[in-house]
Protein backbone atom coordinates (compact mmCIF):
# COMPACT_ATOMS: atom_id res chain seq x y z
CA MET A 1 78.88 0.92 18.12
CA PRO A 2 77.62 3.47 20.68
CA GLU A 3 79.79 4.14 23.57
CA THR A 4 78.58 5.19 26.84
CA THR A 5 79.36 7.15 29.36
CA ASP A 6 80.81 4.92 31.87
CA THR A 7 82.94 3.03 29.58
CA GLN A 8 84.28 6.23 27.91
CA SER A 9 85.45 7.76 31.40
CA LEU A 10 87.41 3.97 32.11
CA ALA A 11 89.82 4.21 28.76
CA SER A 12 92.93 5.41 30.01
CA PRO A 13 93.45 2.90 33.01
CA LEU A 14 93.15 0.10 30.22
CA VAL A 15 95.72 0.43 27.64
CA LEU A 16 98.86 -1.67 27.54
CA ALA A 17 101.84 0.39 28.08
CA ALA A 18 104.00 -1.38 26.42
CA PRO A 19 103.29 -4.99 24.32
CA ILE A 20 103.70 -7.94 25.91
CA PRO A 21 104.70 -11.62 24.86
CA LEU A 22 102.02 -13.78 23.60
CA SER A 23 102.47 -16.14 25.87
CA GLU A 24 102.38 -13.60 28.75
CA HIS A 25 98.85 -12.13 26.98
CA PRO A 26 95.73 -13.42 28.00
CA ALA A 27 94.04 -12.62 24.62
CA ALA A 28 96.37 -14.77 23.25
CA VAL A 29 96.61 -17.75 24.87
CA TYR A 30 92.96 -17.71 24.88
CA LEU A 31 93.08 -17.42 21.23
CA SER A 32 95.51 -19.66 20.71
CA SER A 33 93.32 -22.53 22.19
CA LEU A 34 90.61 -22.12 19.90
CA GLY A 35 90.38 -24.55 16.57
CA VAL A 36 92.12 -22.51 13.97
CA GLY A 37 88.27 -21.72 12.33
CA SER A 38 87.17 -20.47 15.61
CA ARG A 39 90.33 -17.77 15.87
CA PRO A 40 89.13 -15.23 13.83
CA ALA A 41 85.85 -14.47 14.58
CA MET A 42 86.70 -14.61 18.55
CA ARG A 43 89.47 -12.30 18.17
CA TYR A 44 87.01 -10.00 16.30
CA ALA A 45 84.97 -9.91 19.35
CA LEU A 46 87.19 -9.28 21.87
CA SER A 47 88.28 -6.43 19.72
CA ALA A 48 84.82 -4.91 19.70
CA ILE A 49 84.85 -5.44 23.31
CA ALA A 50 88.24 -3.85 23.31
CA ARG A 51 87.49 -0.66 21.28
CA LEU A 52 84.35 -0.52 23.23
CA LEU A 53 86.13 -0.40 26.70
CA THR A 54 88.50 2.38 25.37
CA ASN A 55 86.34 4.43 23.10
CA GLY A 56 88.02 3.13 19.83
CA ASN A 57 91.94 2.93 21.01
CA CYS A 58 92.38 -0.60 21.78
CA ASP A 59 92.40 -4.02 20.29
CA ALA A 60 92.18 -7.30 21.52
CA MET A 61 96.15 -7.17 21.30
CA THR A 62 96.75 -3.56 22.74
CA LEU A 63 93.88 -4.07 25.44
CA ASN A 64 94.61 -4.74 29.62
CA TRP A 65 92.98 -7.46 30.01
CA ALA A 66 94.19 -7.93 33.62
CA ALA A 67 93.24 -4.32 34.43
CA LEU A 68 89.28 -5.41 33.85
CA ARG A 69 86.81 -5.51 37.34
CA TYR A 70 83.27 -5.32 37.19
CA LYS A 71 82.52 -2.12 36.72
CA HIS A 72 84.03 -2.62 33.06
CA THR A 73 82.49 -5.96 32.73
CA ALA A 74 78.82 -4.93 34.02
CA ALA A 75 79.01 -1.86 31.55
CA VAL A 76 80.01 -4.45 28.50
CA ARG A 77 77.61 -6.14 29.44
CA ALA A 78 75.09 -3.39 29.25
CA VAL A 79 75.91 -2.13 25.58
CA LEU A 80 76.56 -6.09 23.98
CA MET A 81 72.94 -6.25 25.30
CA GLU A 82 71.74 -3.02 23.64
CA ASN A 83 73.31 -3.29 20.38
CA TYR A 84 73.74 -7.57 19.66
CA THR A 85 71.51 -10.31 19.44
CA PRO A 86 71.41 -12.55 22.87
CA ALA A 87 72.93 -15.25 21.37
CA TYR A 88 75.76 -12.95 20.04
CA ALA A 89 75.86 -11.33 23.27
CA ASN A 90 76.47 -14.47 25.39
CA LYS A 91 79.15 -15.83 22.89
CA MET A 92 81.12 -11.97 23.48
CA LEU A 93 80.73 -12.65 27.31
CA CYS A 94 81.83 -16.07 27.11
CA ALA A 95 85.11 -14.72 25.05
CA LEU A 96 85.92 -12.59 27.77
CA ARG A 97 85.11 -14.97 30.30
CA ARG A 98 87.86 -17.19 29.18
CA VAL A 99 90.42 -14.37 28.61
CA LEU A 100 90.04 -13.59 32.06
CA LYS A 101 90.24 -16.75 33.32
CA GLU A 102 93.57 -17.08 31.47
CA ALA A 103 94.80 -13.79 33.03
CA LEU A 104 94.30 -15.27 36.51
CA ARG A 105 96.15 -18.60 35.34
CA LEU A 106 99.13 -16.20 34.35
CA GLU A 107 98.71 -14.37 37.61
CA LEU A 108 98.11 -11.31 35.94
CA MET A 109 95.04 -10.62 38.54
CA THR A 110 93.92 -11.64 42.03
CA ALA A 111 91.57 -14.84 42.42
CA GLN A 112 89.34 -12.18 44.17
CA ASP A 113 89.12 -9.50 41.41
CA PHE A 114 88.55 -12.37 38.54
CA ALA A 115 85.53 -13.74 40.66
CA ARG A 116 84.38 -10.40 40.85
CA ALA A 117 84.63 -9.82 37.15
CA VAL A 118 83.34 -12.53 35.93
CA ASP A 119 80.24 -12.17 38.24
CA ILE A 120 78.10 -10.98 35.09
CA ALA A 121 74.91 -12.83 34.25
CA ASN A 122 74.57 -14.06 30.63
CA ILE A 123 71.80 -12.22 28.49
CA LYS A 124 68.66 -14.21 28.04
CA VAL A 125 67.93 -16.06 25.33
CA SER A 126 64.71 -16.35 23.31
CA LYS A 127 63.27 -20.22 23.67
CA GLN A 128 62.36 -19.57 20.20
CA LEU A 129 64.64 -22.40 17.74
CA ARG A 130 66.64 -20.51 15.16
CA GLY A 131 66.60 -21.64 11.78
CA ARG A 132 64.78 -24.47 10.15
CA ALA A 133 64.75 -27.59 8.41
CA LEU A 134 65.30 -27.62 4.44
CA SER A 135 62.65 -29.60 3.01
CA PRO A 136 63.47 -32.50 -0.19
CA THR A 137 61.65 -30.69 -2.43
CA GLU A 138 64.17 -27.60 -2.12
CA ILE A 139 66.90 -29.67 -1.48
CA ALA A 140 66.14 -31.49 -5.10
CA ALA A 141 65.82 -28.14 -6.63
CA LEU A 142 69.11 -26.77 -5.39
CA MET A 143 70.77 -29.91 -6.66
CA ALA A 144 69.05 -29.80 -10.15
CA VAL A 145 69.96 -26.31 -10.31
CA CYS A 146 73.73 -27.28 -10.33
CA PHE A 147 73.23 -30.32 -12.47
CA ASP A 148 72.04 -28.23 -15.24
CA ASP A 149 75.08 -26.15 -15.07
CA PRO A 150 77.65 -27.62 -16.91
CA THR A 151 80.60 -25.91 -16.19
CA PRO A 152 82.69 -26.87 -13.44
CA THR A 153 81.46 -24.21 -11.33
CA GLY A 154 78.08 -26.23 -11.28
CA TYR A 155 80.18 -29.36 -10.69
CA ARG A 156 81.96 -27.68 -7.48
CA ASP A 157 78.57 -26.53 -6.23
CA ALA A 158 76.73 -29.58 -6.75
CA ALA A 159 79.88 -31.26 -4.44
CA LEU A 160 79.31 -28.35 -2.23
CA LEU A 161 75.74 -29.11 -1.39
CA THR A 162 76.45 -32.81 -1.30
CA ILE A 163 79.06 -32.46 1.85
CA LEU A 164 76.73 -29.90 3.50
CA ARG A 165 73.58 -32.05 2.77
CA GLY A 166 74.75 -35.50 3.22
CA ALA A 167 77.90 -34.39 6.18
CA GLY A 168 76.66 -31.74 8.14
CA LEU A 169 79.38 -30.12 7.99
CA ARG A 170 79.87 -26.13 9.24
CA ARG A 171 80.96 -24.03 6.64
CA THR A 172 84.53 -23.27 8.17
CA GLU A 173 85.02 -27.14 7.97
CA VAL A 174 83.48 -27.75 4.63
CA VAL A 175 86.16 -24.87 2.74
CA ASN A 176 89.27 -26.56 5.29
CA LEU A 177 88.88 -29.65 3.51
CA ASP A 178 91.78 -31.00 1.46
CA LEU A 179 91.96 -32.95 -0.93
CA GLY A 180 94.08 -35.37 1.34
CA ASP A 181 91.01 -35.51 3.72
CA PHE A 182 88.84 -37.94 1.54
CA GLU A 183 89.35 -41.10 1.41
CA GLN A 184 86.77 -42.81 -1.81
CA SER A 185 87.34 -46.48 -0.58
CA THR A 186 85.52 -45.50 2.56
CA SER A 187 83.24 -42.47 1.45
CA ALA A 188 85.23 -40.94 4.56
CA LEU A 189 85.75 -37.41 5.02
CA LYS A 190 88.42 -36.34 7.46
CA VAL A 191 87.36 -33.04 9.63
CA ARG A 192 90.63 -31.54 10.91
CA GLY A 193 90.83 -28.71 13.41
CA GLY A 194 86.41 -29.01 14.21
CA LYS A 195 85.20 -26.04 17.01
CA GLY A 196 86.92 -26.68 19.85
CA GLY A 197 90.12 -27.93 17.91
CA LYS A 198 88.56 -31.89 17.92
CA ASP A 199 89.13 -33.75 14.59
CA ARG A 200 86.46 -36.43 13.64
CA SER A 201 86.08 -38.57 10.12
CA VAL A 202 82.60 -38.14 8.59
CA TYR A 203 81.13 -40.36 5.74
CA LEU A 204 79.59 -39.33 2.53
CA PRO A 205 75.55 -41.55 1.96
CA ASP A 206 76.95 -43.72 -1.34
CA SER A 207 74.14 -41.28 -3.16
CA GLY A 208 76.15 -38.24 -2.75
CA LEU A 209 79.80 -40.05 -3.62
CA ASP A 210 79.14 -39.77 -7.54
CA VAL A 211 79.03 -36.35 -7.07
CA LEU A 212 81.80 -35.70 -5.37
CA LEU A 213 84.01 -37.99 -7.93
CA ASP A 214 82.07 -35.86 -11.11
CA TRP A 215 83.62 -32.60 -9.69
CA LEU A 216 86.92 -34.28 -8.59
CA SER A 217 87.65 -35.37 -12.29
CA ILE A 218 86.95 -32.02 -13.58
CA ARG A 219 89.45 -30.61 -10.42
CA GLY A 220 92.17 -33.11 -10.95
CA VAL A 221 94.53 -34.97 -8.21
CA ALA A 222 96.72 -31.82 -7.61
CA ALA A 223 96.82 -31.63 -3.46
CA GLY A 224 94.95 -28.35 -2.05
CA PRO A 225 91.84 -27.65 -0.88
CA LEU A 226 88.80 -30.07 -1.84
CA LEU A 227 87.04 -27.95 -2.94
CA CYS A 228 88.59 -24.01 -4.86
CA HIS A 229 87.89 -21.41 -6.81
CA VAL A 230 86.99 -21.49 -10.39
CA ASN A 231 87.64 -18.43 -12.17
CA LYS A 232 85.58 -16.64 -15.04
CA SER A 233 87.21 -18.65 -17.36
CA GLY A 234 86.03 -21.38 -16.20
CA ARG A 235 89.54 -22.62 -15.46
CA VAL A 236 89.72 -24.14 -11.34
CA VAL A 237 92.44 -22.26 -9.63
CA LEU A 238 93.97 -24.46 -6.62
CA ARG A 239 92.45 -21.34 -4.66
CA ARG A 240 90.64 -22.47 -1.09
CA LEU A 241 87.47 -20.88 -0.62
CA THR A 242 86.29 -18.76 2.02
CA SER A 243 83.26 -18.84 4.73
CA GLN A 244 82.20 -16.06 3.13
CA ALA A 245 81.88 -17.66 -0.67
CA VAL A 246 80.15 -20.31 0.41
CA LEU A 247 77.68 -18.15 1.16
CA PHE A 248 77.44 -16.44 -1.71
CA ILE A 249 77.14 -19.87 -3.61
CA LEU A 250 74.25 -20.90 -1.44
CA GLN A 251 72.25 -17.52 -2.09
CA LYS A 252 72.86 -17.48 -5.88
CA ARG A 253 71.64 -21.15 -6.22
CA GLY A 254 68.51 -20.84 -4.32
CA GLN A 255 67.71 -17.45 -5.97
CA GLN A 256 67.99 -19.32 -8.96
CA VAL A 257 65.23 -21.49 -7.93
CA GLY A 258 63.44 -19.40 -5.08
CA VAL A 259 64.34 -21.50 -2.21
CA ARG A 260 64.89 -18.48 -0.14
CA ASP A 261 65.50 -17.95 3.96
CA PHE A 262 68.58 -20.68 4.54
CA SER A 263 71.76 -21.16 5.30
CA ALA A 264 74.71 -23.71 5.36
CA HIS A 265 73.91 -24.45 9.21
CA ASP A 266 70.53 -25.02 7.52
CA PHE A 267 71.55 -27.65 5.83
CA ARG A 268 73.08 -29.28 9.29
CA ARG A 269 69.95 -28.69 11.03
CA THR A 270 68.63 -31.50 8.30
CA PHE A 271 71.06 -33.65 8.55
CA ILE A 272 70.73 -33.84 12.31
CA SER A 273 66.94 -33.82 12.26
CA GLU A 274 66.77 -36.43 9.39
CA LEU A 275 68.71 -38.82 11.01
CA LEU A 276 66.91 -38.66 14.40
CA ASP A 277 63.94 -39.42 12.62
CA SER A 278 65.57 -42.32 10.59
CA GLY A 279 66.03 -43.94 14.23
CA VAL A 280 69.77 -43.38 14.68
CA ASP A 281 70.69 -43.12 18.44
CA ILE A 282 71.72 -39.81 19.25
CA SER A 283 75.04 -40.39 20.41
CA THR A 284 76.27 -41.30 16.86
CA VAL A 285 74.01 -38.09 15.44
CA GLN A 286 76.23 -36.69 18.45
CA LYS A 287 79.65 -37.94 17.06
CA LEU A 288 79.04 -37.16 13.33
CA ALA A 289 77.91 -32.97 14.17
CA GLY A 290 81.11 -33.06 16.38
CA HIS A 291 79.24 -31.50 18.93
CA ALA A 292 80.49 -31.65 22.66
CA SER A 293 77.14 -32.78 23.89
CA PRO A 294 74.15 -34.80 23.57
CA GLU A 295 71.63 -31.80 24.88
CA LEU A 296 74.03 -29.62 22.20
CA THR A 297 72.82 -31.88 19.39
CA ALA A 298 69.09 -32.04 20.23
CA ARG A 299 68.92 -28.26 20.13
CA TYR A 300 69.37 -28.64 16.06
CA ASP A 301 66.51 -31.11 15.74
CA ARG A 302 63.83 -29.58 13.38
CA ARG A 303 61.32 -32.24 12.84
CA ASP A 304 57.77 -31.50 13.17
CA GLU A 305 54.50 -32.55 15.10
CA GLN A 306 53.82 -35.41 12.07
CA THR A 307 57.06 -36.96 13.43
CA LYS A 308 55.99 -36.92 17.37
CA LYS A 309 52.84 -38.07 16.13
CA ARG A 310 53.91 -41.13 13.99
CA ALA A 311 57.04 -41.40 17.14
CA VAL A 312 54.05 -42.66 19.63
CA GLN A 313 52.42 -45.33 17.04
CA ASN A 314 54.88 -47.42 18.23
CA LEU A 315 53.15 -47.36 21.45
CA ASN A 316 50.88 -50.04 22.70
CA ILE A 317 47.83 -49.81 24.69
CA PRO A 318 45.73 -52.64 25.21
CA GLY A 319 41.97 -51.99 23.37
CA SER A 320 39.45 -49.66 23.82
CA ARG A 321 37.10 -50.75 26.71
CA LYS A 322 34.13 -50.95 23.72
CA LYS A 323 36.33 -53.88 22.22
CA SER A 324 37.09 -55.77 25.28
CA GLN A 325 33.18 -55.77 25.91
CA SER A 326 32.31 -57.16 22.60
């Protein structure tokens, strides 16, 4: 990332003179408050900010966060705005503010210094919606290419798509599922440590249950990750998939059938959109998606204009003037 003169000149006072206990370290306290799946990404973001401020000399754990002032945070915002998308830059700024809030709580900086340091505006985000909903034809093609693969990899990939499609989980939530989190009698999946560290239960539709059971007949009943590696010889290895591995699987299956420009999160958008389109109330959809608010759930809605047009057909307006006069 390119540095600026402003940030380079501010480096030396920001380096911790000596390690401090994790219980008194603002970044460590903040990261420990996050769900396990969110910590690596936010630690990476904090380290990027630390490197920016110290010309590469510090990371999240060696920067003296309590020494940050408005001149530092304003310089960080300016560079983030130039080098990252608005959404990701704002995510990094949110993490920065949260760490400074911990520094205030730990009495490492004054309320006045804190108020000034966090007084930086978010970067304006385009109103255009990100991502898309997958069509039924695209989903059918992706499932079919997995069904046509008779190897354990085909069974596993079909189960992965079924969970993404039928439960709307995030990538990190899918890979963190263990065999014990699946309850066959109720088709329930227990999501542990989702975003915000919250647990929730989701349910597979009946149409997807057999797909998951077919995979489990090959995987076996040993404790461990629900979805796991399959080595080159076709043997199941009870080693947890990574989020990156899920991305590679989707890319591979998409290339095989010509479904392009989609992500795991697009399955989530499709899940939410279709539930709303089928008349499920937004509060229930919010709980299934693990969102903090209905407003966030609404942002995932990718229903098209035809859906809105169909919706108003339920409204009853008295007949036209011409009909009333006949």
